[in-house]
């Protein structure tokens, strides 16, 4: 009897242990990107939001950056977190509307329930301080604002799901200001809210609709790629491409078609965190990053033609500019760098043709005119070539002929070393655009419409290739 009882206890303990292990293995999806759209409540359902809030998260779910944008997509507040090696926040860089440079914020924790934020001036002195009292979920329930003296407190109450329920400010005279209540109308199964109302003085003022994403596509419902970071409201994004491992991104922005600014971004913890202006390039017409991410080929528009240049990265600096046109007499632009030596680009012939070239030791030569892709009346440009050379996608534009405006695809009916390109077909499911690129293990098709960068699932292209 004792042995049977002992056996039952062992079985129960084993089952309980397995249940605990299974529970440990059940991990919810990691939030990577969210967007909150703010609407005036009296507006119709077709009205555009008057404001947006975007938040980007690293692979481990730790927030990297949040931004608030106006109705035109221009950033009004930009906040970038800083952490120590243990992923504990140590500060931030933040910038508000019309500010060019970021300001500095320092963060420290006195204990598990007290967070202190200090704002630093240009000479490193603290000019403002906020002391947050945290609840057991590490969320602020009371925050004191202190300049040369105490200005008042923010009080925050939460729903049972941990969502903000009521927030108000109380000044030192006890007057309550900016009192707002949030009512949640719908909630995801995983505990993320979808829609809420903002109520002030018993009147519904705003409607907030939330988009939540757990994948690494970083695409809003409107199709924009890395909204606020890559696709911005300040300038138009005109060209985008990536290194072979997709750890480096190159793009151009412009308010002037001919003179564009070159930017670069580096992936960190599964996220392109910031785009950085390449000051050494001055202004360009378009360009592309090399597969290794250490060279940029670009064109400069002069009158009605384009000079081709090459710049390299050495000792973490972009330098050693080479004028490839001067040596080869080849002009063009809208490049795609298939390998370190094989490159495809546009030439201003027959209104615009795509050619295959070779770049080697600072010399550029043309290897194939790719006549099957080109027309006399249309402008063919901005090619993308599959890494296995299974297909080639490019843009075509013929004035007055909509059937010849858009993205076209040609399949390789030969081999990798001796491709035989098929007669091109229009990808009619896509709008007109250029700067085609496929990323993210072949799942995302990226392009620009001359204003923003957009992404669509590659499966929507219905590519006729063997997986």
Protein backbone atom coordinates (compact mmCIF):
# COMPACT_ATOMS: atom_id res chain seq x y z
CA UNK A 1 0.00 0.00 0.00
CA UNK A 2 2.81 2.37 0.91
CA UNK A 3 4.59 1.48 -2.32
CA UNK A 4 1.42 2.20 -4.34
CA UNK A 5 0.98 5.54 -2.58
CA UNK A 6 4.63 6.42 -3.22
CA UNK A 7 4.22 5.45 -6.86
CA UNK A 8 1.14 7.69 -7.23
CA UNK A 9 2.98 10.62 -5.62
CA UNK A 10 5.93 10.16 -7.99
CA UNK A 11 3.58 10.07 -11.00
CA UNK A 12 1.74 13.18 -9.82
CA UNK A 13 5.01 15.02 -9.21
CA UNK A 14 6.28 13.97 -12.62
CA UNK A 15 3.08 15.18 -14.31
CA UNK A 16 3.20 18.45 -12.38
CA UNK A 17 6.85 18.89 -13.37
CA UNK A 18 5.99 18.25 -17.02
CA UNK A 19 3.13 20.71 -16.83
CA UNK A 20 5.52 23.30 -15.41
CA UNK A 21 8.02 22.57 -18.19
CA UNK A 22 5.27 22.78 -20.80
CA UNK A 23 4.13 26.07 -19.36
CA UNK A 24 7.67 27.37 -19.61
CA UNK A 25 7.78 26.38 -23.26
CA UNK A 26 4.57 28.27 -24.07
CA UNK A 27 5.85 31.71 -24.94
CA UNK A 28 3.62 34.33 -26.49
CA UNK A 29 4.60 36.14 -29.69
CA UNK A 30 7.05 39.01 -29.34
CA UNK A 31 5.71 42.43 -30.25
CA UNK A 32 7.90 44.05 -32.94
CA UNK A 33 5.95 47.09 -34.13
CA UNK A 34 2.78 48.96 -33.25
CA UNK A 35 0.96 51.98 -34.61
CA UNK A 36 -1.78 53.99 -32.92
CA UNK A 37 -3.94 56.14 -35.18
CA UNK A 38 -5.62 59.13 -33.50
CA UNK A 39 -8.93 60.40 -34.89
CA UNK A 40 -11.17 63.27 -33.86
CA UNK A 41 -14.25 61.51 -32.56
CA UNK A 42 -16.74 63.66 -34.49
CA UNK A 43 -14.98 62.91 -37.78
CA UNK A 44 -16.40 60.38 -40.24
CA UNK A 45 -14.95 56.90 -40.55
CA UNK A 46 -13.30 57.89 -43.83
CA UNK A 47 -11.39 60.77 -42.23
CA UNK A 48 -7.62 60.60 -41.97
CA UNK A 49 -5.99 60.45 -38.52
CA UNK A 50 -4.74 63.77 -37.18
CA UNK A 51 -1.82 62.08 -35.42
CA UNK A 52 0.07 58.78 -35.25
CA UNK A 53 2.24 57.09 -32.66
CA UNK A 54 4.73 54.44 -33.79
CA UNK A 55 6.77 52.14 -31.57
CA UNK A 56 9.51 49.76 -32.75
CA UNK A 57 10.79 46.82 -30.69
CA UNK A 58 13.96 44.74 -30.81
CA UNK A 59 13.85 40.96 -31.36
CA UNK A 60 13.59 40.37 -27.60
CA UNK A 61 10.56 42.67 -27.31
CA UNK A 62 12.44 45.54 -25.64
CA UNK A 63 11.29 48.92 -27.06
CA UNK A 64 13.82 50.71 -29.22
CA UNK A 65 12.08 53.87 -30.37
CA UNK A 66 8.74 55.64 -30.36
CA UNK A 67 7.65 58.52 -32.54
CA UNK A 68 4.65 60.78 -32.81
CA UNK A 69 3.79 62.03 -36.29
CA UNK A 70 1.36 64.63 -37.57
CA UNK A 71 -1.25 63.98 -40.25
CA UNK A 72 1.38 64.53 -42.98
CA UNK A 73 3.72 61.91 -41.50
CA UNK A 74 6.17 64.48 -40.14
CA UNK A 75 7.78 63.54 -36.83
CA UNK A 76 6.76 65.80 -33.96
CA UNK A 77 8.39 63.77 -31.17
CA UNK A 78 11.19 61.21 -31.53
CA UNK A 79 12.37 59.16 -28.53
CA UNK A 80 15.19 56.60 -28.79
CA UNK A 81 15.88 54.40 -25.75
CA UNK A 82 19.37 53.64 -24.44
CA UNK A 83 20.18 50.54 -22.38
CA UNK A 84 23.06 48.95 -20.51
CA UNK A 85 24.36 45.43 -21.22
CA UNK A 86 21.58 43.97 -19.03
CA UNK A 87 18.83 45.68 -21.07
CA UNK A 88 18.06 48.14 -18.30
CA UNK A 89 17.25 51.63 -19.51
CA UNK A 90 19.97 54.18 -18.80
CA UNK A 91 18.59 57.11 -20.79
CA UNK A 92 17.36 58.27 -24.14
CA UNK A 93 17.87 60.68 -26.99
CA UNK A 94 14.78 62.67 -27.83
CA UNK A 95 13.84 65.40 -30.26
CA UNK A 96 10.73 67.49 -30.53
CA UNK A 97 9.19 69.28 -33.50
CA UNK A 98 11.50 71.75 -35.32
CA UNK A 99 14.55 70.64 -33.28
CA UNK A 100 17.52 69.57 -35.41
CA UNK A 101 19.64 67.91 -32.73
CA UNK A 102 18.66 65.34 -30.14
CA UNK A 103 18.55 66.25 -26.45
CA UNK A 104 19.84 63.95 -23.73
CA UNK A 105 17.87 62.19 -21.03
CA UNK A 106 19.42 60.14 -18.23
CA UNK A 107 17.55 57.35 -16.42
CA UNK A 108 18.41 55.52 -13.23
CA UNK A 109 16.54 53.32 -10.75
CA UNK A 110 16.87 53.95 -7.02
CA UNK A 111 15.13 50.64 -6.32
CA UNK A 112 12.54 48.33 -7.89
CA UNK A 113 9.77 50.88 -7.40
CA UNK A 114 11.48 54.23 -8.06
CA UNK A 115 12.68 55.50 -11.44
CA UNK A 116 14.41 58.86 -11.83
CA UNK A 117 14.63 60.64 -15.18
CA UNK A 118 16.87 63.68 -15.59
CA UNK A 119 17.01 66.10 -18.51
CA UNK A 120 20.51 67.36 -19.34
CA UNK A 121 21.41 70.75 -20.84
CA UNK A 122 24.22 71.50 -23.30
CA UNK A 123 26.86 71.74 -20.54
CA UNK A 124 25.81 68.49 -18.90
CA UNK A 125 23.77 69.96 -16.04
CA UNK A 126 20.42 68.63 -14.89
CA UNK A 127 17.70 71.21 -15.48
CA UNK A 128 14.59 69.08 -14.97
CA UNK A 129 13.76 65.87 -13.13
CA UNK A 130 10.91 63.38 -13.02
CA UNK A 131 10.50 60.79 -10.27
CA UNK A 132 8.28 57.81 -11.16
CA UNK A 133 6.74 55.57 -8.53
CA UNK A 134 6.25 52.14 -10.11
CA UNK A 135 3.67 49.47 -9.36
CA UNK A 136 4.35 45.73 -9.22
CA UNK A 137 4.11 45.58 -13.02
CA UNK A 138 6.85 48.28 -13.29
CA UNK A 139 4.34 50.81 -14.61
CA UNK A 140 4.15 54.38 -13.34
CA UNK A 141 1.26 55.13 -11.01
CA UNK A 142 2.60 58.52 -9.82
CA UNK A 143 5.19 60.84 -11.33
CA UNK A 144 6.58 64.01 -9.76
CA UNK A 145 7.82 66.82 -12.04
CA UNK A 146 10.60 68.94 -10.56
CA UNK A 147 12.40 71.92 -12.06
CA UNK A 148 13.73 74.62 -9.74
CA UNK A 149 10.80 73.46 -7.55
CA UNK A 150 8.05 70.85 -7.55
CA UNK A 151 5.51 71.57 -10.31
CA UNK A 152 3.05 68.78 -9.62
CA UNK A 153 2.19 65.12 -10.14
CA UNK A 154 0.82 62.86 -12.83
CA UNK A 155 -1.41 60.08 -11.52
CA UNK A 156 -2.15 56.99 -13.63
CA UNK A 157 -4.74 54.28 -13.00
CA UNK A 158 -4.92 51.01 -14.92
CA UNK A 159 -7.57 48.49 -15.95
CA UNK A 160 -7.35 44.88 -14.73
CA UNK A 161 -5.63 44.12 -18.06
CA UNK A 162 -2.94 46.69 -17.33
CA UNK A 163 -4.15 49.33 -19.82
CA UNK A 164 -4.20 53.04 -18.95
CA UNK A 165 -7.64 53.84 -17.55
CA UNK A 166 -7.30 57.38 -16.20
CA UNK A 167 -4.45 59.93 -16.22
CA UNK A 168 -4.49 63.39 -14.68
CA UNK A 169 -2.07 66.07 -13.49
CA UNK A 170 -2.34 67.72 -10.08
CA UNK A 171 -0.43 70.95 -9.47
CA UNK A 172 0.99 72.00 -6.10
CA UNK A 173 -2.20 73.90 -5.29
CA UNK A 174 -4.25 70.74 -5.70
CA UNK A 175 -5.88 71.71 -9.00
CA UNK A 176 -6.49 68.80 -11.38
CA UNK A 177 -5.58 69.45 -15.02
CA UNK A 178 -5.63 67.43 -18.25
CA UNK A 179 -7.85 64.74 -16.77
CA UNK A 180 -8.55 62.04 -19.34
CA UNK A 181 -10.24 58.65 -19.20
CA UNK A 182 -9.76 55.80 -21.68
CA UNK A 183 -12.54 53.35 -22.50
CA UNK A 184 -11.57 50.19 -24.40
CA UNK A 185 -14.06 48.84 -26.92
CA UNK A 186 -12.15 45.83 -28.24
CA UNK A 187 -9.22 43.73 -27.08
CA UNK A 188 -7.13 41.08 -28.83
CA UNK A 189 -7.18 37.54 -27.47
CA UNK A 190 -3.57 37.96 -26.38
CA UNK A 191 -4.44 40.97 -24.24
CA UNK A 192 -3.56 43.79 -26.66
CA UNK A 193 -6.16 46.49 -27.13
CA UNK A 194 -7.41 47.43 -30.58
CA UNK A 195 -9.71 50.42 -30.15
CA UNK A 196 -10.34 52.91 -27.38
CA UNK A 197 -12.01 56.25 -26.73
CA UNK A 198 -10.43 59.22 -24.99
CA UNK A 199 -12.91 60.99 -22.73
CA UNK A 200 -12.46 64.41 -21.14
CA UNK A 201 -15.12 66.19 -19.06
CA UNK A 202 -17.59 63.38 -19.83
CA UNK A 203 -17.22 63.99 -23.57
CA UNK A 204 -15.61 61.63 -26.08
CA UNK A 205 -12.81 63.62 -27.67
CA UNK A 206 -10.78 61.11 -29.67
CA UNK A 207 -10.89 57.61 -31.10
CA UNK A 208 -7.66 55.60 -31.03
CA UNK A 209 -7.17 52.59 -33.31
CA UNK A 210 -4.16 50.37 -32.78
CA UNK A 211 -2.24 48.19 -35.23
CA UNK A 212 -0.08 45.48 -33.63
CA UNK A 213 2.52 43.38 -35.47
CA UNK A 214 4.54 40.38 -34.31
CA UNK A 215 6.46 39.71 -37.54
CA UNK A 216 9.67 41.33 -38.74
CA UNK A 217 8.15 42.96 -41.83
CA UNK A 218 7.73 46.39 -40.17
CA UNK A 219 4.89 47.34 -42.48
CA UNK A 220 1.86 49.41 -41.46
CA UNK A 221 -1.66 48.66 -42.69
CA UNK A 222 -1.12 51.35 -45.33
CA UNK A 223 1.77 49.31 -46.77
CA UNK A 224 4.54 51.73 -45.79
CA UNK A 225 7.86 50.13 -44.89
CA UNK A 226 9.43 51.27 -41.60
CA UNK A 227 7.10 54.24 -41.35
CA UNK A 228 8.79 57.18 -39.63
CA UNK A 229 12.25 55.58 -39.91
CA UNK A 230 12.54 54.77 -43.63
CA UNK A 231 9.30 56.19 -45.07
CA UNK A 232 9.13 59.74 -43.75
CA UNK A 233 6.92 62.77 -44.22
CA UNK A 234 9.75 65.28 -44.45
CA UNK A 235 11.30 64.11 -47.74
CA UNK A 236 10.46 61.69 -50.56
CA UNK A 237 12.20 58.29 -50.56
CA UNK A 238 13.38 57.58 -54.08
CA UNK A 239 15.72 54.56 -54.06
CA UNK A 240 16.26 51.67 -51.64
CA UNK A 241 18.50 48.58 -51.71
CA UNK A 242 20.36 46.24 -49.34
CA UNK A 243 23.61 44.39 -48.87
CA UNK A 244 23.55 40.64 -49.60
CA UNK A 245 22.93 39.70 -45.96
CA UNK A 246 20.41 42.56 -45.57
CA UNK A 247 22.33 44.02 -42.63
CA UNK A 248 23.00 47.30 -44.48
CA UNK A 249 20.37 49.46 -46.17
CA UNK A 250 21.05 52.27 -48.65
CA UNK A 251 18.42 54.82 -49.65
CA UNK A 252 18.07 58.27 -51.13
CA UNK A 253 15.70 61.06 -50.13
CA UNK A 254 14.84 64.21 -51.96
CA UNK A 255 12.78 67.33 -52.24
CA UNK A 256 14.50 67.88 -55.60
CA UNK A 257 14.47 65.02 -58.13
CA UNK A 258 17.99 65.69 -59.45
CA UNK A 259 19.79 66.39 -56.18
CA UNK A 260 19.11 63.69 -53.63
CA UNK A 261 20.60 62.95 -50.22
CA UNK A 262 22.14 59.53 -49.55
CA UNK A 263 21.39 57.64 -46.32
CA UNK A 264 22.58 54.39 -44.80
CA UNK A 265 21.16 52.19 -42.03
CA UNK A 266 22.57 49.23 -40.14
CA UNK A 267 20.48 46.41 -38.66
CA UNK A 268 20.79 46.01 -34.87
CA UNK A 269 19.07 43.20 -32.98
CA UNK A 270 16.86 42.48 -35.97
CA UNK A 271 15.85 46.09 -36.57
CA UNK A 272 16.93 49.00 -38.75
CA UNK A 273 17.04 51.57 -35.98
CA UNK A 274 18.07 54.82 -37.69
CA UNK A 275 18.94 56.16 -41.13
CA UNK A 276 22.19 58.16 -41.18
CA UNK A 277 23.05 60.76 -43.78
CA UNK A 278 26.23 59.96 -45.77
CA UNK A 279 27.82 63.39 -45.68
CA UNK A 280 30.74 62.37 -47.94
CA UNK A 281 28.39 61.91 -50.91
CA UNK A 282 27.04 65.46 -51.00
CA UNK A 283 24.08 65.06 -53.41
CA UNK A 284 23.45 62.17 -55.83
CA UNK A 285 20.86 61.12 -58.39
CA UNK A 286 20.59 57.48 -57.23
CA UNK A 287 22.84 54.66 -56.10
CA UNK A 288 23.26 51.15 -54.67
CA UNK A 289 25.18 49.43 -51.88
CA UNK A 290 27.57 46.57 -52.74
CA UNK A 291 26.81 42.99 -51.56
CA UNK A 292 29.47 43.31 -48.83
CA UNK A 293 28.13 46.72 -47.78
CA UNK A 294 31.52 48.41 -48.14
CA UNK A 295 31.08 50.18 -51.50
CA UNK A 296 28.45 52.41 -53.06
CA UNK A 297 28.00 52.93 -56.77
CA UNK A 298 26.07 56.09 -57.56
CA UNK A 299 25.24 58.51 -60.32
CA UNK A 300 25.34 62.29 -60.43
CA UNK A 301 22.94 64.03 -62.79
CA UNK A 302 24.57 66.56 -65.10
CA UNK A 303 22.29 68.20 -67.62
CA UNK A 304 20.50 65.25 -69.27
CA UNK A 305 23.03 62.55 -68.51
CA UNK A 306 24.45 60.69 -65.51
CA UNK A 307 28.05 60.24 -64.45
CA UNK A 308 28.79 57.01 -62.58
CA UNK A 309 30.96 57.11 -59.45
CA UNK A 310 32.23 54.62 -56.89
CA UNK A 311 33.05 55.24 -53.23
CA UNK A 312 34.52 52.77 -50.70
CA UNK A 313 34.41 52.45 -46.94
CA UNK A 314 37.81 52.33 -45.25
CA UNK A 315 38.50 52.63 -41.53
CA UNK A 316 34.79 53.31 -40.97
CA UNK A 317 34.88 56.30 -43.33
CA UNK A 318 33.53 56.68 -46.86
CA UNK A 319 36.41 57.78 -49.08
CA UNK A 320 38.37 57.07 -52.28
CA UNK A 321 35.87 58.37 -54.82
CA UNK A 322 36.42 57.09 -58.37
CA UNK A 323 34.80 58.54 -61.49
CA UNK A 324 33.92 55.36 -63.43
CA UNK A 325 32.47 57.34 -66.34
CA UNK A 326 35.73 59.19 -66.90
CA UNK A 327 37.62 55.94 -67.43
CA UNK A 328 34.95 53.92 -69.29
CA UNK A 329 32.78 56.58 -70.96
CA UNK A 330 29.79 54.60 -69.63
CA UNK A 331 26.92 56.61 -68.20
CA UNK A 332 23.82 55.51 -66.34
CA UNK A 333 22.18 54.83 -63.00
CA UNK A 334 19.51 52.87 -61.08
CA UNK A 335 21.90 50.04 -60.21
CA UNK A 336 21.49 46.53 -58.85
CA UNK A 337 24.65 44.88 -57.56
CA UNK A 338 24.20 41.10 -57.93
CA UNK A 339 27.76 40.20 -56.86
CA UNK A 340 30.94 42.11 -56.15
CA UNK A 341 31.67 42.14 -59.89
CA UNK A 342 28.30 41.65 -61.63
CA UNK A 343 26.06 44.70 -61.82
CA UNK A 344 22.87 45.66 -63.69
CA UNK A 345 21.89 49.24 -64.45
CA UNK A 346 20.09 51.73 -66.69
CA UNK A 347 21.65 53.51 -69.67
CA UNK A 348 20.17 56.52 -71.44
CA UNK A 349 19.77 54.81 -74.83
CA UNK A 350 16.53 54.22 -76.78
CA UNK A 351 14.76 56.34 -74.15
CA UNK A 352 16.38 54.12 -71.50
CA UNK A 353 17.69 50.54 -71.54
CA UNK A 354 18.87 48.01 -68.95
CA UNK A 355 22.31 46.43 -69.39
CA UNK A 356 24.47 43.92 -67.54
CA UNK A 357 27.89 45.19 -66.54
CA UNK A 358 31.04 44.14 -64.78
CA UNK A 359 32.91 46.16 -62.20
CA UNK A 360 36.43 45.09 -61.39
CA UNK A 361 39.29 47.01 -59.77
CA UNK A 362 37.63 50.34 -60.41
CA UNK A 363 36.82 49.57 -64.05
CA UNK A 364 33.27 49.34 -65.44
CA UNK A 365 32.46 47.41 -68.63
CA UNK A 366 29.23 46.27 -70.31
CA UNK A 367 28.82 42.50 -70.85
CA UNK A 368 25.27 42.19 -72.19
CA UNK A 369 22.78 44.64 -73.69
CA UNK A 370 19.80 42.50 -72.50
CA UNK A 371 17.88 43.40 -75.66
CA UNK A 372 14.92 41.10 -74.81
CA UNK A 373 14.04 43.42 -71.90
CA UNK A 374 14.25 46.75 -73.71
CA UNK A 375 11.92 48.66 -76.01
CA UNK A 376 12.50 51.65 -78.26
CA UNK A 377 9.53 53.67 -77.02
CA UNK A 378 9.66 52.82 -73.31
CA UNK A 379 12.15 53.63 -70.56
CA UNK A 380 13.45 50.48 -68.85
CA UNK A 381 15.27 51.06 -65.59
CA UNK A 382 15.83 50.02 -61.96
CA UNK A 383 16.45 46.25 -62.32
CA UNK A 384 16.41 43.63 -59.57
CA UNK A 385 17.94 40.20 -60.22
CA UNK A 386 17.16 37.16 -58.11
CA UNK A 387 20.30 35.82 -56.37
CA UNK A 388 19.86 32.50 -58.17
CA UNK A 389 19.09 34.31 -61.44
CA UNK A 390 15.68 32.68 -61.68
CA UNK A 391 14.03 35.96 -62.65
CA UNK A 392 14.63 39.66 -63.21
CA UNK A 393 12.17 42.40 -62.22
CA UNK A 394 12.44 45.95 -63.53
CA UNK A 395 10.40 49.11 -64.18
CA UNK A 396 9.16 50.37 -67.51
CA UNK A 397 7.53 53.68 -68.37
CA UNK A 398 6.13 54.64 -71.77
CA UNK A 399 4.41 58.01 -71.99
CA UNK A 400 0.69 57.69 -72.75
CA UNK A 401 0.68 53.87 -72.72
CA UNK A 402 -0.54 52.53 -69.36
CA UNK A 403 -0.02 48.94 -70.44
CA UNK A 404 3.68 49.75 -70.60
CA UNK A 405 3.87 51.47 -67.22
CA UNK A 406 4.76 49.41 -64.16
CA UNK A 407 6.86 46.47 -63.03
CA UNK A 408 7.80 43.74 -65.50
CA UNK A 409 9.30 40.31 -64.94
CA UNK A 410 11.51 38.13 -67.15
CA UNK A 411 12.29 34.51 -66.24
CA UNK A 412 15.59 32.77 -66.84
CA UNK A 413 15.01 29.83 -69.19
CA UNK A 414 18.71 29.03 -69.26
CA UNK A 415 21.35 28.48 -66.60
CA UNK A 416 23.01 30.66 -63.99
CA UNK A 417 26.15 31.26 -66.05
CA UNK A 418 24.34 31.43 -69.38
CA UNK A 419 20.94 32.94 -68.69
CA UNK A 420 18.29 33.08 -71.37
CA UNK A 421 15.77 35.73 -70.43
CA UNK A 422 12.14 35.27 -71.46
CA UNK A 423 9.86 37.86 -73.01
CA UNK A 424 8.87 40.15 -70.11
CA UNK A 425 5.39 40.12 -68.58
CA UNK A 426 3.78 42.92 -66.63
CA UNK A 427 3.14 42.37 -62.91
CA UNK A 428 -0.33 43.89 -63.16
CA UNK A 429 -1.09 43.41 -59.44
CA UNK A 430 1.48 46.12 -58.62
CA UNK A 431 1.15 49.89 -59.07
CA UNK A 432 3.73 51.88 -60.97
CA UNK A 433 6.99 52.27 -59.09
CA UNK A 434 10.67 51.40 -59.12
CA UNK A 435 13.60 50.32 -56.94
CA UNK A 436 12.34 46.74 -56.73
CA UNK A 437 13.94 44.52 -54.10
CA UNK A 438 13.04 41.22 -52.43
CA UNK A 439 14.08 40.73 -48.80
CA UNK A 440 13.31 38.81 -45.61
CA UNK A 441 13.92 35.27 -46.89
CA UNK A 442 12.06 36.11 -50.06
CA UNK A 443 8.83 37.06 -48.30
CA UNK A 444 8.75 40.83 -48.95
CA UNK A 445 8.72 42.78 -52.19
CA UNK A 446 9.97 46.33 -51.60
CA UNK A 447 9.56 49.29 -53.94
CA UNK A 448 9.08 53.05 -54.02
CA UNK A 449 6.40 55.18 -55.64
CA UNK A 450 8.69 58.20 -55.47
CA UNK A 451 7.23 59.35 -52.14
CA UNK A 452 7.52 56.42 -49.70
CA UNK A 453 8.87 52.89 -49.55
CA UNK A 454 6.18 50.20 -49.74
CA UNK A 455 6.11 46.48 -49.07
CA UNK A 456 3.82 43.73 -50.32
CA UNK A 457 4.03 39.98 -49.63
CA UNK A 458 5.99 38.29 -52.40
CA UNK A 459 3.29 35.61 -52.68
CA UNK A 460 1.00 38.28 -54.15
CA UNK A 461 3.33 38.52 -57.18
CA UNK A 462 2.51 34.88 -58.08
CA UNK A 463 6.03 34.20 -59.31
CA UNK A 464 6.31 31.26 -61.69
CA UNK A 465 9.39 29.70 -60.12
CA UNK A 466 10.23 26.36 -58.58
CA UNK A 467 10.62 26.64 -54.83
